[in-house]
């Protein structure tokens, strides 16, 4: 048993690639849960169809979608102008649409190039939104359909809670991964070791808390992202009266204190926050950091704030000069408390 226990993905030569590395497809889970967008669901499938259209310009789109929902979903995508030759629907029923968190986290072999998937426990962000049994079936279903090797782990982990640079570093937040509603039986050291063993990283970088209104308890993809192996793009809130000001200021201080494996400071690019807004009296976690990287483009969430939306696109364009920057209206999507990165998961080429 001891020898077998060593056969973790990292020990076998696998690592999680950075999002800017070549991709074969982007995975989505088609929206259908009215409770995720209370009173605001109607526009959401149309937003998804627009996203499918834009992704299909650059790469394949693979969509988890129960068979009964597929005819309408296909019609909407085709009407939006998606390249349907690049869009594949899979009869994989889901509870919800947040593929970043219930989908597999793909890894790739350093030498052979084999793509496999890691399958973690999904508990709907600390048991907040039951049921989630169908969502937990998505990674094994994808592994069976694509005939990929699957590495199963009994730790709760969501894709939106981690960010990697593809060169051995993983960024995450204490608020999420150390939350007692995830893995109360695991110490910080045990969580770090599991991430290293399963995603092929060597060092874990920790920031503190996530933004106000985030029901995921501080997912990193709403705060800070790598845009190159030694560079972060991170949200800041200059308004001192805004509760996000202190949270993001403290996280920025941590980023400035981090050092690369070569001992140098990271390049840090700051990104504004949208002006706070909400629905039905609830502030939503709108963030430009929830962008999605594709092979030839970056999709950037937009919140009907022309000046700030344009500023965010310009800053992100500076970080990805070789990619087309495409704004996506996420005003309705964010009422589900997530946008472009939250609904997607990249599959490396």
Protein backbone atom coordinates (compact mmCIF):
# COMPACT_ATOMS: atom_id res chain seq x y z
CA UNK A 1 0.00 0.00 0.00
CA UNK A 2 2.85 2.40 0.78
CA UNK A 3 4.14 2.28 -2.78
CA UNK A 4 0.64 2.81 -4.13
CA UNK A 5 0.08 5.80 -1.87
CA UNK A 6 2.96 7.58 -3.61
CA UNK A 7 1.24 7.46 -6.97
CA UNK A 8 -0.22 10.95 -6.78
CA UNK A 9 -0.59 12.93 -10.00
CA UNK A 10 2.53 14.95 -9.15
CA UNK A 11 4.56 11.80 -8.42
CA UNK A 12 3.46 10.43 -11.79
CA UNK A 13 4.61 13.59 -13.58
CA UNK A 14 1.38 15.61 -13.88
CA UNK A 15 0.89 19.33 -13.26
CA UNK A 16 -1.90 21.85 -13.67
CA UNK A 17 -1.10 24.16 -16.61
CA UNK A 18 -1.62 27.91 -16.40
CA UNK A 19 -4.79 29.18 -18.08
CA UNK A 20 -2.81 31.00 -20.80
CA UNK A 21 -1.23 27.72 -21.98
CA UNK A 22 -2.78 26.05 -25.07
CA UNK A 23 -6.32 24.75 -24.60
CA UNK A 24 -8.31 22.22 -26.58
CA UNK A 25 -11.70 23.29 -25.22
CA UNK A 26 -13.64 25.28 -22.66
CA UNK A 27 -16.24 23.42 -20.56
CA UNK A 28 -19.54 25.00 -19.50
CA UNK A 29 -22.63 23.69 -17.69
CA UNK A 30 -25.87 24.97 -19.20
CA UNK A 31 -27.95 27.14 -16.81
CA UNK A 32 -31.36 25.88 -15.71
CA UNK A 33 -31.58 26.41 -11.94
CA UNK A 34 -34.02 29.29 -11.41
CA UNK A 35 -32.96 29.59 -7.75
CA UNK A 36 -29.46 30.64 -8.80
CA UNK A 37 -30.84 33.83 -10.37
CA UNK A 38 -33.97 34.54 -8.27
CA UNK A 39 -36.42 36.56 -10.33
CA UNK A 40 -33.71 37.30 -12.94
CA UNK A 41 -33.20 33.97 -14.72
CA UNK A 42 -34.86 34.80 -18.04
CA UNK A 43 -31.88 36.59 -19.73
CA UNK A 44 -29.24 34.15 -18.44
CA UNK A 45 -29.44 31.45 -21.17
CA UNK A 46 -29.09 34.21 -23.78
CA UNK A 47 -25.94 35.46 -22.03
CA UNK A 48 -24.56 31.91 -22.05
CA UNK A 49 -25.33 31.63 -25.76
CA UNK A 50 -23.36 34.82 -26.44
CA UNK A 51 -20.44 33.42 -24.41
CA UNK A 52 -20.59 30.15 -26.38
CA UNK A 53 -20.50 32.20 -29.59
CA UNK A 54 -17.39 34.11 -28.52
CA UNK A 55 -15.52 31.03 -27.23
CA UNK A 56 -16.34 29.10 -30.42
CA UNK A 57 -14.47 31.71 -32.45
CA UNK A 58 -11.25 30.48 -30.85
CA UNK A 59 -11.70 26.88 -29.69
CA UNK A 60 -14.11 24.07 -28.95
CA UNK A 61 -16.92 24.50 -26.44
CA UNK A 62 -18.05 21.43 -24.49
CA UNK A 63 -21.29 21.78 -22.56
CA UNK A 64 -22.73 19.66 -19.75
CA UNK A 65 -26.48 19.73 -20.38
CA UNK A 66 -29.30 17.27 -19.65
CA UNK A 67 -30.80 15.86 -22.86
CA UNK A 68 -34.18 17.52 -22.24
CA UNK A 69 -32.56 20.98 -22.15
CA UNK A 70 -30.42 20.51 -25.25
CA UNK A 71 -32.84 21.42 -28.07
CA UNK A 72 -33.46 24.94 -26.72
CA UNK A 73 -29.82 25.41 -25.72
CA UNK A 74 -28.67 24.50 -29.22
CA UNK A 75 -31.22 26.85 -30.79
CA UNK A 76 -30.07 29.75 -28.60
CA UNK A 77 -26.40 29.14 -29.36
CA UNK A 78 -27.03 28.88 -33.09
CA UNK A 79 -29.18 32.02 -33.07
CA UNK A 80 -26.44 33.89 -31.19
CA UNK A 81 -24.06 33.03 -34.02
CA UNK A 82 -21.95 30.31 -32.41
CA UNK A 83 -19.84 28.11 -34.67
CA UNK A 84 -21.88 24.98 -33.94
CA UNK A 85 -19.25 22.75 -35.56
CA UNK A 86 -17.12 23.58 -32.51
CA UNK A 87 -19.89 23.14 -29.92
CA UNK A 88 -20.59 19.72 -28.37
CA UNK A 89 -23.36 19.01 -25.88
CA UNK A 90 -23.00 16.13 -23.44
CA UNK A 91 -25.96 14.51 -21.69
CA UNK A 92 -24.53 15.28 -18.24
CA UNK A 93 -27.32 16.59 -15.97
CA UNK A 94 -26.25 19.18 -13.38
CA UNK A 95 -27.71 20.87 -10.33
CA UNK A 96 -26.22 24.21 -11.28
CA UNK A 97 -24.15 26.11 -13.84
CA UNK A 98 -20.88 26.80 -12.00
CA UNK A 99 -18.55 24.54 -13.98
CA UNK A 100 -15.38 26.11 -12.57
CA UNK A 101 -16.28 24.63 -9.21
CA UNK A 102 -18.03 21.33 -9.95
CA UNK A 103 -16.12 20.46 -13.11
CA UNK A 104 -12.82 18.58 -13.17
CA UNK A 105 -9.49 20.33 -12.70
CA UNK A 106 -7.37 19.14 -15.59
CA UNK A 107 -3.70 18.23 -15.30
CA UNK A 108 -1.13 17.43 -17.98
CA UNK A 109 1.89 15.12 -17.96
CA UNK A 110 5.16 17.04 -18.11
CA UNK A 111 6.80 14.64 -20.59
CA UNK A 112 4.16 12.65 -22.46
CA UNK A 113 1.58 15.43 -22.73
CA UNK A 114 -1.18 13.11 -21.47
CA UNK A 115 -4.16 15.09 -20.16
CA UNK A 116 -5.90 13.65 -17.09
CA UNK A 117 -8.36 15.09 -14.63
CA UNK A 118 -8.48 15.52 -10.90
CA UNK A 119 -11.86 14.95 -9.26
CA UNK A 120 -12.47 16.68 -5.93
CA UNK A 121 -15.50 16.79 -3.64
CA UNK A 122 -17.97 19.58 -4.40
CA UNK A 123 -20.17 20.55 -1.46
CA UNK A 124 -21.80 23.69 -2.93
CA UNK A 125 -19.50 26.15 -1.17
CA UNK A 126 -19.84 24.76 2.33
CA UNK A 127 -23.25 23.14 1.94
CA UNK A 128 -25.03 26.41 1.09
CA UNK A 129 -27.07 25.21 -1.91
CA UNK A 130 -28.19 21.58 -1.78
CA UNK A 131 -28.64 19.35 -3.66
CA UNK A 132 -25.30 18.97 -5.44
CA UNK A 133 -25.22 15.24 -6.19
CA UNK A 134 -25.47 15.71 -9.97
CA UNK A 135 -22.69 18.30 -9.94
CA UNK A 136 -20.40 15.79 -8.22
CA UNK A 137 -20.97 13.37 -11.10
CA UNK A 138 -19.61 15.78 -13.72
CA UNK A 139 -15.87 14.91 -13.38
CA UNK A 140 -16.37 11.11 -13.58
CA UNK A 141 -18.84 11.56 -16.46
CA UNK A 142 -16.33 13.65 -18.41
CA UNK A 143 -13.54 11.16 -17.66
CA UNK A 144 -15.67 8.28 -18.99
CA UNK A 145 -16.83 10.17 -22.08
CA UNK A 146 -13.35 11.37 -23.06
CA UNK A 147 -11.59 8.22 -21.79
CA UNK A 148 -9.25 10.25 -19.59
CA UNK A 149 -7.40 9.09 -16.52
CA UNK A 150 -9.17 10.33 -13.36
CA UNK A 151 -7.50 11.01 -10.02
CA UNK A 152 -10.09 11.11 -7.24
CA UNK A 153 -9.55 12.98 -3.97
CA UNK A 154 -11.89 13.29 -0.98
CA UNK A 155 -10.89 16.88 -0.19
CA UNK A 156 -13.41 19.63 -0.91
CA UNK A 157 -11.94 21.96 -3.55
CA UNK A 158 -13.41 24.35 -6.09
CA UNK A 159 -11.62 25.47 -9.23
CA UNK A 160 -12.42 29.12 -8.53
CA UNK A 161 -10.56 28.97 -5.23
CA UNK A 162 -7.15 28.35 -6.80
CA UNK A 163 -4.97 30.05 -9.42
CA UNK A 164 -1.72 28.59 -10.82
CA UNK A 165 1.13 30.04 -12.85
CA UNK A 166 2.05 26.70 -14.47
CA UNK A 167 5.56 26.95 -13.01
CA UNK A 168 5.02 25.55 -9.53
CA UNK A 169 3.09 28.34 -7.76
CA UNK A 170 -0.53 28.23 -6.57
CA UNK A 171 -2.40 31.24 -5.21
CA UNK A 172 -5.41 30.90 -2.92
CA UNK A 173 -7.23 32.58 -0.03
CA UNK A 174 -7.33 31.71 3.65
CA UNK A 175 -11.01 32.65 3.88
CA UNK A 176 -11.94 29.86 1.46
CA UNK A 177 -9.51 26.97 1.82
CA UNK A 178 -9.18 27.24 5.60
CA UNK A 179 -12.93 27.66 6.07
CA UNK A 180 -14.45 25.15 8.50
CA UNK A 181 -17.29 24.51 6.06
CA UNK A 182 -14.88 22.87 3.60
CA UNK A 183 -12.29 20.58 5.21
CA UNK A 184 -12.48 21.03 9.00
CA UNK A 185 -10.49 17.82 9.54
CA UNK A 186 -7.48 19.07 7.56
CA UNK A 187 -4.75 21.42 8.79
CA UNK A 188 -3.26 24.14 6.63
CA UNK A 189 -0.16 21.99 6.15
CA UNK A 190 -2.27 19.00 5.06
CA UNK A 191 -4.20 21.15 2.56
CA UNK A 192 -0.93 22.50 1.15
CA UNK A 193 0.51 18.99 0.79
CA UNK A 194 -2.62 17.76 -1.02
CA UNK A 195 -2.51 20.67 -3.47
CA UNK A 196 1.17 20.01 -4.17
CA UNK A 197 0.66 16.26 -4.62
CA UNK A 198 -2.38 16.55 -6.85
CA UNK A 199 -1.75 19.66 -8.94
CA UNK A 200 2.02 19.42 -9.28
CA UNK A 201 2.78 22.74 -7.57
CA UNK A 202 5.69 23.40 -5.24
CA UNK A 203 4.62 26.45 -3.25
CA UNK A 204 1.29 27.82 -2.01
CA UNK A 205 0.82 31.60 -1.77
CA UNK A 206 -1.95 32.76 0.58
CA UNK A 207 -3.93 35.99 0.51
CA UNK A 208 -6.55 36.78 3.15
CA UNK A 209 -10.21 37.45 2.41
CA UNK A 210 -12.38 37.75 -0.67
CA UNK A 211 -14.72 40.54 -1.73
CA UNK A 212 -18.05 41.54 -0.22
CA UNK A 213 -21.07 39.62 -1.52
CA UNK A 214 -19.05 36.55 -2.54
CA UNK A 215 -20.99 33.49 -1.37
CA UNK A 216 -18.00 31.23 -2.12
CA UNK A 217 -16.12 32.53 0.94
CA UNK A 218 -13.39 34.33 -0.94
CA UNK A 219 -12.64 32.70 -4.28
CA UNK A 220 -9.34 33.91 -5.66
CA UNK A 221 -10.74 34.40 -9.19
CA UNK A 222 -12.69 37.43 -7.96
CA UNK A 223 -9.58 39.05 -6.43
CA UNK A 224 -6.20 38.22 -7.98
CA UNK A 225 -5.05 36.31 -11.06
CA UNK A 226 -1.71 35.40 -12.55
CA UNK A 227 -1.24 36.95 -16.00
CA UNK A 228 2.27 35.53 -16.47
CA UNK A 229 4.50 33.28 -14.34
CA UNK A 230 5.85 36.22 -12.32
CA UNK A 231 2.95 38.66 -12.56
CA UNK A 232 -0.35 39.30 -10.76
CA UNK A 233 -3.32 41.37 -11.82
CA UNK A 234 -5.23 42.28 -8.67
CA UNK A 235 -8.33 44.25 -7.69
CA UNK A 236 -8.11 47.44 -5.63
CA UNK A 237 -10.84 49.70 -4.24
CA UNK A 238 -9.65 53.31 -3.70
CA UNK A 239 -12.84 54.38 -1.90
CA UNK A 240 -11.92 54.17 1.79
CA UNK A 241 -15.57 53.98 2.81
CA UNK A 242 -16.11 50.84 0.74
CA UNK A 243 -15.65 47.66 2.84
CA UNK A 244 -13.66 46.13 -0.03
CA UNK A 245 -11.01 48.86 0.39
CA UNK A 246 -9.39 47.32 3.47
CA UNK A 247 -9.74 43.72 2.27
CA UNK A 248 -8.07 44.42 -1.07
CA UNK A 249 -5.42 46.72 0.44
CA UNK A 250 -4.35 43.94 2.80
CA UNK A 251 -4.23 41.42 -0.04
CA UNK A 252 -2.14 43.83 -2.14
CA UNK A 253 0.33 44.13 0.73
CA UNK A 254 0.70 40.36 0.80
CA UNK A 255 1.25 40.20 -2.97
CA UNK A 256 3.98 42.84 -2.66
CA UNK A 257 5.70 40.76 0.00
CA UNK A 258 5.72 37.57 -2.08
CA UNK A 259 8.89 36.60 -3.94
CA UNK A 260 9.32 34.52 -7.07
CA UNK A 261 11.40 31.31 -6.90
CA UNK A 262 14.27 33.49 -8.18
CA UNK A 263 13.84 35.78 -5.16
CA UNK A 264 12.43 38.76 -7.06
CA UNK A 265 9.21 40.69 -6.42
CA UNK A 266 6.28 39.93 -8.70
CA UNK A 267 5.07 42.36 -11.35
CA UNK A 268 1.75 43.66 -10.00
CA UNK A 269 -0.94 45.32 -12.13
CA UNK A 270 -3.91 46.82 -10.31
CA UNK A 271 -7.46 46.55 -11.59
CA UNK A 272 -10.37 48.76 -10.48
CA UNK A 273 -13.52 47.38 -8.94
CA UNK A 274 -16.88 48.16 -10.54
CA UNK A 275 -19.04 50.61 -8.57
CA UNK A 276 -20.96 48.53 -6.02
CA UNK A 277 -24.43 47.44 -7.08
CA UNK A 278 -26.90 44.70 -6.29
CA UNK A 279 -30.32 43.19 -6.74
CA UNK A 280 -33.13 42.98 -4.20
CA UNK A 281 -30.95 44.74 -1.62
CA UNK A 282 -28.06 42.27 -1.92
CA UNK A 283 -24.63 43.45 -3.10
CA UNK A 284 -23.22 41.24 -5.84
CA UNK A 285 -19.52 40.27 -6.09
CA UNK A 286 -18.94 42.00 -9.43
CA UNK A 287 -15.26 41.86 -10.37
CA UNK A 288 -13.24 42.42 -13.52
CA UNK A 289 -10.78 39.79 -12.25
CA UNK A 290 -13.30 37.10 -13.24
CA UNK A 291 -12.05 37.22 -16.83
CA UNK A 292 -11.63 34.07 -18.93
CA UNK A 293 -8.49 33.35 -20.96
CA UNK A 294 -8.90 31.57 -24.32
CA UNK A 295 -6.31 30.55 -26.92
CA UNK A 296 -6.52 33.84 -28.78
CA UNK A 297 -8.64 36.05 -26.57
CA UNK A 298 -9.63 37.16 -23.09
CA UNK A 299 -13.32 37.54 -22.26
CA UNK A 300 -13.80 40.36 -19.76
CA UNK A 301 -16.96 40.80 -17.66
CA UNK A 302 -18.72 44.15 -18.16
CA UNK A 303 -21.26 45.65 -15.75
CA UNK A 304 -22.91 48.52 -17.70
CA UNK A 305 -20.48 51.05 -16.20
CA UNK A 306 -18.96 52.39 -19.45
CA UNK A 307 -15.99 54.24 -17.96
CA UNK A 308 -14.86 51.50 -15.56
CA UNK A 309 -15.68 48.72 -18.01
CA UNK A 310 -13.44 50.38 -20.63
CA UNK A 311 -10.66 50.97 -18.10
CA UNK A 312 -10.73 47.31 -17.08
CA UNK A 313 -10.57 46.15 -20.71
CA UNK A 314 -7.59 48.45 -21.34
CA UNK A 315 -5.67 47.22 -18.30
CA UNK A 316 -6.32 43.55 -19.11
CA UNK A 317 -5.31 44.21 -22.74
CA UNK A 318 -1.97 45.47 -21.44
CA UNK A 319 -1.46 42.16 -19.63
CA UNK A 320 -2.38 40.04 -22.67
CA UNK A 321 -1.07 42.01 -25.69
CA UNK A 322 -1.24 38.99 -28.01
CA UNK A 323 -4.91 38.24 -27.34
CA UNK A 324 -8.14 39.88 -28.48
CA UNK A 325 -9.99 41.53 -25.59
CA UNK A 326 -13.75 40.94 -25.72
CA UNK A 327 -16.18 42.53 -23.30
CA UNK A 328 -19.19 40.43 -22.26
CA UNK A 329 -22.24 42.05 -20.65
CA UNK A 330 -22.49 40.23 -17.30
CA UNK A 331 -25.03 42.54 -15.66
CA UNK A 332 -27.63 39.77 -15.45
CA UNK A 333 -25.16 36.91 -14.99
CA UNK A 334 -23.65 38.40 -11.81
CA UNK A 335 -26.99 38.12 -9.99
CA UNK A 336 -26.03 34.43 -9.73
CA UNK A 337 -22.95 35.73 -7.83
CA UNK A 338 -20.42 34.76 -10.48
CA UNK A 339 -19.48 35.54 -14.08
CA UNK A 340 -17.19 34.30 -16.88
CA UNK A 341 -14.51 32.44 -14.98
CA UNK A 342 -17.00 30.91 -12.54
CA UNK A 343 -19.08 29.28 -15.29
CA UNK A 344 -16.15 27.78 -17.23
CA UNK A 345 -13.28 25.32 -16.96
CA UNK A 346 -10.44 25.04 -19.47
CA UNK A 347 -9.21 21.71 -20.82
CA UNK A 348 -5.53 21.88 -21.79
CA UNK A 349 -4.39 20.77 -25.23
